[in-house]
C-alpha cells in the first residue's frame, strides 16, 4: 500500500487519502469510503471522550491520562501562572509497529 504526500513540508496521511485507498484497494465507492473513515474516527474520538482506552492490535494504544494541576511560568514575562488539571490523549506504539519502523531506517553511508 503506497500513497503520495502532497506537501514536502508536512508529510501526512489525510482522511481523504485513506478514503481514496479504500476506494482503490477494496472497491468501496467513494461515498462509502469517506463514510467508513469518518465513522472509524468518530468511534475512536467518542470512546476517548468517554474515557475508554483504544487498543488496535499490531498498531498501538490510545489512552486518556489525567494531568494534575501544577504551577507554570509565562516564558516571556516570567510571571507565575497556574496550569489547570486536564485530560490528554497519549499514544503508545505496539512492539510490532516499533519493529516495522526500525526496520525501515536507512543505514548511514
C-alpha atoms as a PDB file:
ATOM      1  CA  UNK A   1       0.000   0.000   0.000  1.00  0.00           C
ATOM      2  CA  UNK A   2       1.574   3.257  -1.103  1.00  0.00           C
ATOM      3  CA  UNK A   3       0.365   6.823  -1.019  1.00  0.00           C
ATOM      4  CA  UNK A   4       1.708  10.127  -2.190  1.00  0.00           C
ATOM      5  CA  UNK A   5       2.374  13.039   0.085  1.00  0.00           C
ATOM      6  CA  UNK A   6       1.060  16.320  -1.298  1.00  0.00           C
ATOM      7  CA  UNK A   7       3.428  18.595   0.624  1.00  0.00           C
ATOM      8  CA  UNK A   8       7.107  18.200   1.387  1.00  0.00           C
ATOM      9  CA  UNK A   9       6.831  20.421   4.458  1.00  0.00           C
ATOM     10  CA  UNK A  10       4.235  18.409   6.358  1.00  0.00           C
ATOM     11  CA  UNK A  11       4.128  14.817   5.141  1.00  0.00           C
ATOM     12  CA  UNK A  12       0.861  13.398   6.454  1.00  0.00           C
ATOM     13  CA  UNK A  13      -1.693  10.789   5.533  1.00  0.00           C
ATOM     14  CA  UNK A  14      -5.072  12.522   5.411  1.00  0.00           C
ATOM     15  CA  UNK A  15      -8.583  11.154   5.866  1.00  0.00           C
ATOM     16  CA  UNK A  16      -9.212  11.905   2.196  1.00  0.00           C
ATOM     17  CA  UNK A  17      -6.172   9.814   1.214  1.00  0.00           C
ATOM     18  CA  UNK A  18      -7.355   6.960   3.459  1.00  0.00           C
ATOM     19  CA  UNK A  19     -10.775   7.068   1.798  1.00  0.00           C
ATOM     20  CA  UNK A  20      -9.099   7.027  -1.627  1.00  0.00           C
ATOM     21  CA  UNK A  21      -7.077   3.943  -0.616  1.00  0.00           C
ATOM     22  CA  UNK A  22     -10.283   2.157   0.450  1.00  0.00           C
ATOM     23  CA  UNK A  23     -11.835   3.100  -2.874  1.00  0.00           C
ATOM     24  CA  UNK A  24      -8.862   1.825  -4.903  1.00  0.00           C
ATOM     25  CA  UNK A  25      -7.931  -1.300  -2.959  1.00  0.00           C
ATOM     26  CA  UNK A  26     -11.204  -2.616  -1.549  1.00  0.00           C
ATOM     27  CA  UNK A  27     -13.605  -1.387  -4.183  1.00  0.00           C
ATOM     28  CA  UNK A  28     -15.964   0.624  -1.988  1.00  0.00           C
ATOM     29  CA  UNK A  29     -17.443   3.597  -3.758  1.00  0.00           C
ATOM     30  CA  UNK A  30     -16.044   6.990  -2.796  1.00  0.00           C
ATOM     31  CA  UNK A  31     -19.032   7.913  -0.608  1.00  0.00           C
ATOM     32  CA  UNK A  32     -18.853   4.599   1.316  1.00  0.00           C
ATOM     33  CA  UNK A  33     -15.101   5.007   1.743  1.00  0.00           C
ATOM     34  CA  UNK A  34     -15.470   8.506   3.166  1.00  0.00           C
ATOM     35  CA  UNK A  35     -18.323   7.418   5.455  1.00  0.00           C
ATOM     36  CA  UNK A  36     -16.303   4.449   6.742  1.00  0.00           C
ATOM     37  CA  UNK A  37     -13.259   6.607   7.549  1.00  0.00           C
ATOM     38  CA  UNK A  38     -15.447   9.231   9.250  1.00  0.00           C
ATOM     39  CA  UNK A  39     -17.246   6.535  11.288  1.00  0.00           C
ATOM     40  CA  UNK A  40     -13.914   4.998  12.344  1.00  0.00           C
ATOM     41  CA  UNK A  41     -12.509   8.270  13.644  1.00  0.00           C
ATOM     42  CA  UNK A  42     -15.815   9.263  15.252  1.00  0.00           C
ATOM     43  CA  UNK A  43     -15.881   5.953  17.119  1.00  0.00           C
ATOM     44  CA  UNK A  44     -12.315   6.435  18.339  1.00  0.00           C
ATOM     45  CA  UNK A  45     -12.800  10.060  19.416  1.00  0.00           C
ATOM     46  CA  UNK A  46     -16.158   9.369  21.115  1.00  0.00           C
ATOM     47  CA  UNK A  47     -14.639   6.449  23.027  1.00  0.00           C
ATOM     48  CA  UNK A  48     -11.701   8.567  24.190  1.00  0.00           C
ATOM     49  CA  UNK A  49     -14.038  11.379  25.294  1.00  0.00           C
ATOM     50  CA  UNK A  50     -15.932   8.801  27.376  1.00  0.00           C
ATOM     51  CA  UNK A  51     -12.627   7.697  28.960  1.00  0.00           C
ATOM     52  CA  UNK A  52     -12.398   4.346  27.148  1.00  0.00           C
ATOM     53  CA  UNK A  53      -8.890   3.331  26.044  1.00  0.00           C
ATOM     54  CA  UNK A  54      -8.477   2.216  22.416  1.00  0.00           C
ATOM     55  CA  UNK A  55      -6.283  -0.782  21.566  1.00  0.00           C
ATOM     56  CA  UNK A  56      -5.568  -1.523  17.911  1.00  0.00           C
ATOM     57  CA  UNK A  57      -3.750  -4.834  17.605  1.00  0.00           C
ATOM     58  CA  UNK A  58      -0.430  -4.521  15.797  1.00  0.00           C
ATOM     59  CA  UNK A  59      -0.626  -0.721  15.842  1.00  0.00           C
ATOM     60  CA  UNK A  60      -0.823   0.655  19.377  1.00  0.00           C
ATOM     61  CA  UNK A  61      -2.897   2.037  22.246  1.00  0.00           C
ATOM     62  CA  UNK A  62      -4.578   5.397  22.688  1.00  0.00           C
ATOM     63  CA  UNK A  63      -5.145   6.240  26.343  1.00  0.00           C
ATOM     64  CA  UNK A  64      -6.647   9.108  28.295  1.00  0.00           C
ATOM     65  CA  UNK A  65      -4.379  10.433  31.017  1.00  0.00           C
ATOM     66  CA  UNK A  66      -5.448  12.945  33.644  1.00  0.00           C
ATOM     67  CA  UNK A  67      -2.776  15.520  34.438  1.00  0.00           C
ATOM     68  CA  UNK A  68      -2.856  17.210  37.809  1.00  0.00           C
ATOM     69  CA  UNK A  69      -2.826  20.992  38.184  1.00  0.00           C
ATOM     70  CA  UNK A  70       0.641  22.468  38.595  1.00  0.00           C
ATOM     71  CA  UNK A  71       2.395  25.797  38.755  1.00  0.00           C
ATOM     72  CA  UNK A  72       3.701  27.150  35.465  1.00  0.00           C
ATOM     73  CA  UNK A  73       5.534  30.193  34.209  1.00  0.00           C
ATOM     74  CA  UNK A  74       4.965  32.518  31.271  1.00  0.00           C
ATOM     75  CA  UNK A  75       8.240  32.242  29.295  1.00  0.00           C
ATOM     76  CA  UNK A  76       8.046  35.848  28.053  1.00  0.00           C
ATOM     77  CA  UNK A  77       7.324  37.619  31.315  1.00  0.00           C
ATOM     78  CA  UNK A  78       8.457  35.075  33.891  1.00  0.00           C
ATOM     79  CA  UNK A  79       5.111  35.538  35.624  1.00  0.00           C
ATOM     80  CA  UNK A  80       3.872  32.505  37.585  1.00  0.00           C
ATOM     81  CA  UNK A  81       0.598  31.139  36.224  1.00  0.00           C
ATOM     82  CA  UNK A  82      -1.389  28.093  37.326  1.00  0.00           C
ATOM     83  CA  UNK A  83      -1.848  25.272  34.835  1.00  0.00           C
ATOM     84  CA  UNK A  84      -5.252  23.637  35.290  1.00  0.00           C
ATOM     85  CA  UNK A  85      -5.891  19.926  35.561  1.00  0.00           C
ATOM     86  CA  UNK A  86      -6.686  18.439  32.175  1.00  0.00           C
ATOM     87  CA  UNK A  87      -7.121  15.211  30.281  1.00  0.00           C
ATOM     88  CA  UNK A  88      -4.726  14.381  27.459  1.00  0.00           C
ATOM     89  CA  UNK A  89      -4.538  11.585  24.899  1.00  0.00           C
ATOM     90  CA  UNK A  90      -1.360   9.534  24.778  1.00  0.00           C
ATOM     91  CA  UNK A  91      -0.334   7.018  22.130  1.00  0.00           C
ATOM     92  CA  UNK A  92       1.946   4.053  22.720  1.00  0.00           C
ATOM     93  CA  UNK A  93       3.049   2.180  19.622  1.00  0.00           C
ATOM     94  CA  UNK A  94       2.870  -1.620  19.677  1.00  0.00           C
ATOM     95  CA  UNK A  95       6.064  -3.663  19.542  1.00  0.00           C
ATOM     96  CA  UNK A  96       5.076  -4.791  16.050  1.00  0.00           C
ATOM     97  CA  UNK A  97       4.794  -1.183  14.817  1.00  0.00           C
ATOM     98  CA  UNK A  98       8.061  -0.222  16.511  1.00  0.00           C
ATOM     99  CA  UNK A  99       9.828  -3.134  14.807  1.00  0.00           C
ATOM    100  CA  UNK A 100       8.406  -2.148  11.415  1.00  0.00           C
ATOM    101  CA  UNK A 101       9.545   1.444  11.901  1.00  0.00           C
ATOM    102  CA  UNK A 102      13.037   0.389  12.988  1.00  0.00           C
ATOM    103  CA  UNK A 103      13.309  -1.992  10.032  1.00  0.00           C
ATOM    104  CA  UNK A 104      12.840   0.897   7.596  1.00  0.00           C
ATOM    105  CA  UNK A 105      15.626   3.089   8.972  1.00  0.00           C
ATOM    106  CA  UNK A 106      18.244   3.523   6.220  1.00  0.00           C
ATOM    107  CA  UNK A 107      21.815   2.641   7.187  1.00  0.00           C
ATOM    108  CA  UNK A 108      24.210   5.635   7.330  1.00  0.00           C
ATOM    109  CA  UNK A 109      26.504   5.846   4.308  1.00  0.00           C
END
